[in-house]
């Protein structure tokens, strides 16, 4: 993320060097070369600011979506854990049939 903050300076510096090299090869006067480089610095710095803003917005949007997905997964995990706990509690509270002999009436067969 640190390079994103420096992006306008980096892009404008690179383009100023390119403009200076092209002007030098074209045998322009020094004054014309300096004016072109200055204008290039200003224009590409502004373009870099716009690009940095776009990159930052994209990064923040992706980060927000990732956090929302993590929160959603966490909530689903908690809900499934609660459902599992309630199933355990329901199975613990089911009445089992009384199989003891003291409740049975035995009648002798005649």
N, C-alpha and C. Protein backbone atom coordinates (compact mmCIF):
# COMPACT_ATOMS: atom_id res chain seq x y z
N UNK A 1 0.83 -1.19 0.00
CA UNK A 1 0.00 0.00 0.00
C UNK A 1 0.87 1.26 0.00
N UNK A 2 2.09 1.13 0.46
CA UNK A 2 2.99 2.28 0.52
C UNK A 2 3.32 2.79 -0.87
N UNK A 3 3.47 1.88 -1.83
CA UNK A 3 3.76 2.31 -3.20
C UNK A 3 2.57 3.03 -3.84
N UNK A 4 1.38 2.66 -3.43
CA UNK A 4 0.19 3.33 -3.96
C UNK A 4 0.20 4.80 -3.54
N UNK A 5 0.65 5.09 -2.33
CA UNK A 5 0.69 6.47 -1.86
C UNK A 5 1.72 7.28 -2.65
N UNK A 6 2.76 6.64 -3.09
CA UNK A 6 3.82 7.33 -3.84
C UNK A 6 3.60 7.32 -5.35
N UNK A 7 2.54 6.68 -5.79
CA UNK A 7 2.31 6.48 -7.23
C UNK A 7 2.35 7.77 -8.05
N UNK A 8 1.72 8.88 -7.62
CA UNK A 8 1.77 10.10 -8.44
C UNK A 8 3.21 10.60 -8.66
N UNK A 9 4.00 10.56 -7.62
CA UNK A 9 5.39 11.02 -7.76
C UNK A 9 6.18 10.09 -8.68
N UNK A 10 6.00 8.80 -8.50
CA UNK A 10 6.74 7.83 -9.31
C UNK A 10 6.39 7.98 -10.79
N UNK A 11 5.11 8.02 -11.09
CA UNK A 11 4.70 8.09 -12.50
C UNK A 11 5.11 9.42 -13.14
N UNK A 12 5.00 10.52 -12.39
CA UNK A 12 5.37 11.82 -12.97
C UNK A 12 6.90 11.90 -13.17
N UNK A 13 7.66 11.35 -12.26
CA UNK A 13 9.13 11.36 -12.41
C UNK A 13 9.57 10.54 -13.61
N UNK A 14 8.99 9.37 -13.75
CA UNK A 14 9.35 8.52 -14.89
C UNK A 14 9.01 9.21 -16.21
N UNK A 15 7.83 9.80 -16.27
CA UNK A 15 7.43 10.47 -17.51
C UNK A 15 8.27 11.71 -17.79
N UNK A 16 8.70 12.43 -16.75
CA UNK A 16 9.58 13.59 -16.96
C UNK A 16 10.92 13.14 -17.53
N UNK A 17 11.42 12.01 -17.04
CA UNK A 17 12.68 11.47 -17.58
C UNK A 17 12.51 11.06 -19.04
N UNK A 18 11.39 10.42 -19.34
CA UNK A 18 11.12 10.01 -20.73
C UNK A 18 11.01 11.25 -21.63
N UNK A 19 10.28 12.26 -21.17
CA UNK A 19 10.14 13.49 -21.96
C UNK A 19 11.50 14.16 -22.16
N UNK A 20 12.31 14.20 -21.10
CA UNK A 20 13.64 14.78 -21.21
C UNK A 20 14.52 14.02 -22.19
N UNK A 21 14.45 12.71 -22.16
CA UNK A 21 15.25 11.90 -23.08
C UNK A 21 14.82 12.11 -24.53
N UNK A 22 13.49 12.13 -24.75
CA UNK A 22 13.00 12.36 -26.11
C UNK A 22 13.39 13.75 -26.60
N UNK A 23 13.30 14.76 -25.74
CA UNK A 23 13.67 16.12 -26.13
C UNK A 23 15.17 16.21 -26.42
N UNK A 24 15.96 15.49 -25.63
CA UNK A 24 17.41 15.50 -25.84
C UNK A 24 17.75 14.86 -27.19
N UNK A 25 17.10 13.75 -27.49
CA UNK A 25 17.36 13.08 -28.78
C UNK A 25 16.84 13.91 -29.95
N UNK A 26 15.80 14.71 -29.71
CA UNK A 26 15.26 15.58 -30.76
C UNK A 26 16.02 16.88 -30.90
N UNK A 27 17.05 17.06 -30.10
CA UNK A 27 17.92 18.25 -30.14
C UNK A 27 17.13 19.54 -29.89
N UNK A 28 16.21 19.48 -28.92
CA UNK A 28 15.48 20.69 -28.53
C UNK A 28 16.37 21.56 -27.66
N UNK A 29 16.02 22.82 -27.59
CA UNK A 29 16.74 23.74 -26.71
C UNK A 29 16.47 23.39 -25.25
N UNK A 30 17.37 23.77 -24.38
CA UNK A 30 17.25 23.45 -22.95
C UNK A 30 15.99 24.06 -22.35
N UNK A 31 15.68 25.29 -22.73
CA UNK A 31 14.49 25.96 -22.20
C UNK A 31 13.23 25.20 -22.60
N UNK A 32 13.13 24.78 -23.85
CA UNK A 32 11.97 24.02 -24.31
C UNK A 32 11.86 22.67 -23.59
N UNK A 33 13.01 22.04 -23.38
CA UNK A 33 13.03 20.75 -22.69
C UNK A 33 12.54 20.91 -21.25
N UNK A 34 13.01 21.95 -20.58
CA UNK A 34 12.58 22.17 -19.19
C UNK A 34 11.09 22.48 -19.09
N UNK A 35 10.57 23.25 -20.02
CA UNK A 35 9.13 23.56 -20.03
C UNK A 35 8.33 22.28 -20.26
N UNK A 36 8.75 21.47 -21.23
CA UNK A 36 8.05 20.22 -21.50
C UNK A 36 8.08 19.29 -20.29
N UNK A 37 9.23 19.21 -19.62
CA UNK A 37 9.36 18.35 -18.45
C UNK A 37 8.48 18.84 -17.30
N UNK A 38 8.43 20.16 -17.12
CA UNK A 38 7.61 20.73 -16.06
C UNK A 38 6.13 20.48 -16.32
N UNK A 39 5.71 20.71 -17.53
CA UNK A 39 4.31 20.45 -17.89
C UNK A 39 4.00 18.95 -17.74
N UNK A 40 4.94 18.10 -18.16
CA UNK A 40 4.76 16.66 -18.01
C UNK A 40 4.66 16.25 -16.55
N UNK A 41 5.51 16.85 -15.69
CA UNK A 41 5.43 16.55 -14.25
C UNK A 41 4.05 16.90 -13.69
N UNK A 42 3.56 18.06 -14.02
CA UNK A 42 2.27 18.51 -13.48
C UNK A 42 1.13 17.63 -13.99
N UNK A 43 1.10 17.38 -15.29
CA UNK A 43 0.01 16.59 -15.88
C UNK A 43 0.02 15.16 -15.34
N UNK A 44 1.19 14.53 -15.35
CA UNK A 44 1.25 13.13 -14.91
C UNK A 44 1.11 13.00 -13.40
N UNK A 45 1.45 14.04 -12.65
CA UNK A 45 1.20 14.00 -11.21
C UNK A 45 -0.31 14.01 -10.95
N UNK A 46 -1.04 14.85 -11.67
CA UNK A 46 -2.50 14.87 -11.52
C UNK A 46 -3.13 13.54 -11.95
N UNK A 47 -2.65 13.00 -13.05
CA UNK A 47 -3.14 11.68 -13.48
C UNK A 47 -2.81 10.60 -12.46
N UNK A 48 -1.65 10.71 -11.85
CA UNK A 48 -1.27 9.76 -10.80
C UNK A 48 -2.16 9.87 -9.58
N UNK A 49 -2.56 11.10 -9.25
CA UNK A 49 -3.48 11.28 -8.12
C UNK A 49 -4.82 10.61 -8.41
N UNK A 50 -5.31 10.79 -9.62
CA UNK A 50 -6.58 10.15 -10.01
C UNK A 50 -6.43 8.63 -9.98
N UNK A 51 -5.34 8.12 -10.53
CA UNK A 51 -5.11 6.67 -10.54
C UNK A 51 -4.97 6.13 -9.12
N UNK A 52 -4.26 6.88 -8.25
CA UNK A 52 -4.10 6.45 -6.87
C UNK A 52 -5.45 6.36 -6.18
N UNK A 53 -6.31 7.33 -6.42
CA UNK A 53 -7.65 7.33 -5.83
C UNK A 53 -8.46 6.12 -6.31
N UNK A 54 -8.35 5.82 -7.59
CA UNK A 54 -9.06 4.65 -8.14
C UNK A 54 -8.53 3.37 -7.50
N UNK A 55 -7.21 3.22 -7.42
CA UNK A 55 -6.62 2.04 -6.81
C UNK A 55 -7.02 1.90 -5.34
N UNK A 56 -7.02 3.02 -4.63
CA UNK A 56 -7.40 3.00 -3.22
C UNK A 56 -8.86 2.61 -3.04
N UNK A 57 -9.73 3.15 -3.88
CA UNK A 57 -11.15 2.79 -3.80
C UNK A 57 -11.36 1.31 -4.08
N UNK A 58 -10.67 0.78 -5.09
CA UNK A 58 -10.79 -0.64 -5.41
C UNK A 58 -10.30 -1.49 -4.23
N UNK A 59 -9.16 -1.11 -3.67
CA UNK A 59 -8.60 -1.86 -2.53
C UNK A 59 -9.56 -1.84 -1.34
N UNK A 60 -10.12 -0.66 -1.04
CA UNK A 60 -11.04 -0.55 0.09
C UNK A 60 -12.32 -1.35 -0.16
N UNK A 61 -12.80 -1.34 -1.39
CA UNK A 61 -14.01 -2.11 -1.73
C UNK A 61 -13.76 -3.61 -1.57
N UNK A 62 -12.63 -4.07 -2.07
CA UNK A 62 -12.30 -5.49 -1.93
C UNK A 62 -12.11 -5.87 -0.47
N UNK A 63 -11.48 -4.99 0.29
CA UNK A 63 -11.27 -5.24 1.72
C UNK A 63 -12.60 -5.29 2.46
N UNK A 64 -13.52 -4.39 2.11
CA UNK A 64 -14.84 -4.36 2.76
C UNK A 64 -15.62 -5.63 2.43
N UNK A 65 -15.57 -6.06 1.17
CA UNK A 65 -16.28 -7.28 0.78
C UNK A 65 -15.69 -8.50 1.48
N UNK A 66 -14.38 -8.53 1.59
CA UNK A 66 -13.73 -9.65 2.27
C UNK A 66 -14.14 -9.71 3.74
N UNK A 67 -14.20 -8.55 4.39
CA UNK A 67 -14.61 -8.51 5.79
C UNK A 67 -16.06 -8.93 5.94
N UNK A 68 -16.93 -8.49 5.02
CA UNK A 68 -18.33 -8.89 5.07
C UNK A 68 -18.48 -10.40 4.92
N UNK A 69 -17.71 -10.99 4.01
CA UNK A 69 -17.77 -12.44 3.81
C UNK A 69 -17.29 -13.17 5.06
N UNK A 70 -16.22 -12.66 5.67
CA UNK A 70 -15.72 -13.29 6.90
C UNK A 70 -16.75 -13.20 8.02
N UNK A 71 -17.40 -12.04 8.15
CA UNK A 71 -18.43 -11.88 9.17
C UNK A 71 -19.61 -12.81 8.90
N UNK A 72 -19.99 -12.93 7.63
CA UNK A 72 -21.10 -13.81 7.27
C UNK A 72 -20.76 -15.26 7.60
N UNK A 73 -19.54 -15.69 7.26
CA UNK A 73 -19.12 -17.05 7.57
C UNK A 73 -19.09 -17.28 9.07
N UNK A 74 -18.63 -16.28 9.82
CA UNK A 74 -18.58 -16.39 11.28
C UNK A 74 -19.99 -16.52 11.85
N UNK A 75 -20.92 -15.73 11.34
CA UNK A 75 -22.30 -15.81 11.81
C UNK A 75 -22.91 -17.17 11.48
N UNK A 76 -22.65 -17.69 10.27
CA UNK A 76 -23.16 -19.00 9.89
C UNK A 76 -22.57 -20.08 10.78
N UNK A 77 -21.29 -19.96 11.09
CA UNK A 77 -20.63 -20.92 11.96
C UNK A 77 -21.25 -20.89 13.36
N UNK A 78 -21.51 -19.68 13.87
CA UNK A 78 -22.13 -19.55 15.19
C UNK A 78 -23.55 -20.13 15.19
N UNK A 79 -24.30 -19.86 14.11
CA UNK A 79 -25.66 -20.39 14.02
C UNK A 79 -25.66 -21.91 13.95
N UNK A 80 -24.72 -22.48 13.21
CA UNK A 80 -24.65 -23.94 13.13
C UNK A 80 -24.24 -24.53 14.48
N UNK A 81 -23.37 -23.84 15.21
CA UNK A 81 -22.98 -24.31 16.54
C UNK A 81 -24.17 -24.26 17.49
N UNK A 82 -24.97 -23.18 17.40
CA UNK A 82 -26.16 -23.07 18.24
C UNK A 82 -27.17 -24.15 17.89
N UNK A 83 -27.32 -24.44 16.59
CA UNK A 83 -28.24 -25.48 16.16
C UNK A 83 -27.77 -26.84 16.67
N UNK A 84 -26.47 -27.09 16.62
CA UNK A 84 -25.93 -28.35 17.13
C UNK A 84 -26.16 -28.46 18.63
N UNK A 85 -25.96 -27.36 19.35
CA UNK A 85 -26.19 -27.37 20.79
C UNK A 85 -27.65 -27.61 21.13
N UNK A 86 -28.55 -27.02 20.37
CA UNK A 86 -29.98 -27.21 20.64
C UNK A 86 -30.38 -28.65 20.33
N UNK A 87 -29.81 -29.28 19.31
CA UNK A 87 -30.09 -30.68 19.02
C UNK A 87 -29.61 -31.56 20.16
N UNK A 88 -28.46 -31.24 20.70
CA UNK A 88 -27.95 -32.00 21.83
C UNK A 88 -28.87 -31.84 23.03
N UNK A 89 -29.30 -30.63 23.30
CA UNK A 89 -30.20 -30.38 24.42
C UNK A 89 -31.54 -31.07 24.22
N UNK A 90 -32.06 -31.11 23.02
CA UNK A 90 -33.33 -31.76 22.75
C UNK A 90 -33.19 -33.27 22.95
N UNK A 91 -32.10 -33.85 22.49
CA UNK A 91 -31.92 -35.29 22.65
C UNK A 91 -31.69 -35.64 24.11
N UNK A 92 -31.13 -34.73 24.91
CA UNK A 92 -30.94 -34.99 26.33
C UNK A 92 -32.26 -34.94 27.08
N UNK A 93 -33.20 -34.14 26.63
CA UNK A 93 -34.45 -33.97 27.34
C UNK A 93 -35.54 -34.92 26.90
N UNK A 94 -35.31 -35.73 25.88
CA UNK A 94 -36.33 -36.69 25.46
C UNK A 94 -36.56 -37.70 26.57
N UNK A 95 -37.81 -38.01 26.77
CA UNK A 95 -38.13 -38.98 27.83
C UNK A 95 -37.88 -40.38 27.31
N UNK A 96 -37.20 -41.13 28.12
CA UNK A 96 -36.96 -42.53 27.77
C UNK A 96 -38.04 -43.36 28.44
N UNK A 97 -38.46 -44.42 27.82
CA UNK A 97 -39.50 -45.24 28.43
C UNK A 97 -39.02 -45.88 29.73
N UNK A 98 -39.95 -45.96 30.65
CA UNK A 98 -39.64 -46.54 31.96
C UNK A 98 -39.74 -48.05 31.85
N UNK A 99 -38.63 -48.71 31.96
CA UNK A 99 -38.59 -50.16 31.81
C UNK A 99 -38.45 -50.87 33.15
N UNK A 100 -38.64 -50.15 34.18
CA UNK A 100 -38.50 -50.79 35.50
C UNK A 100 -39.67 -51.73 35.76
N UNK A 101 -39.43 -52.72 36.54
CA UNK A 101 -40.42 -53.76 36.81
C UNK A 101 -41.45 -53.34 37.85
N UNK A 102 -41.19 -52.36 38.63
CA UNK A 102 -42.12 -52.01 39.71
C UNK A 102 -43.39 -51.32 39.20
N UNK A 103 -43.41 -50.88 37.97
CA UNK A 103 -44.61 -50.26 37.41
C UNK A 103 -45.48 -51.25 36.65
N UNK A 104 -45.05 -52.43 36.48
CA UNK A 104 -45.79 -53.40 35.70
C UNK A 104 -46.70 -54.24 36.59
N UNK A 105 -47.84 -54.49 36.10
CA UNK A 105 -48.77 -55.36 36.82
C UNK A 105 -48.64 -56.75 36.25
N UNK A 106 -48.32 -57.65 37.13
CA UNK A 106 -48.22 -59.04 36.70
C UNK A 106 -49.46 -59.78 37.17
N UNK A 107 -50.09 -60.41 36.27
CA UNK A 107 -51.27 -61.20 36.63
C UNK A 107 -50.94 -62.66 36.39
N UNK A 108 -51.32 -63.40 37.29
CA UNK A 108 -51.08 -64.83 37.15
C UNK A 108 -52.06 -65.43 36.17
N UNK A 109 -51.58 -66.31 35.37
CA UNK A 109 -52.46 -66.92 34.38
C UNK A 109 -53.20 -68.08 35.04
N UNK A 110 -54.44 -68.18 34.74
CA UNK A 110 -55.23 -69.23 35.37
C UNK A 110 -55.46 -70.35 34.46
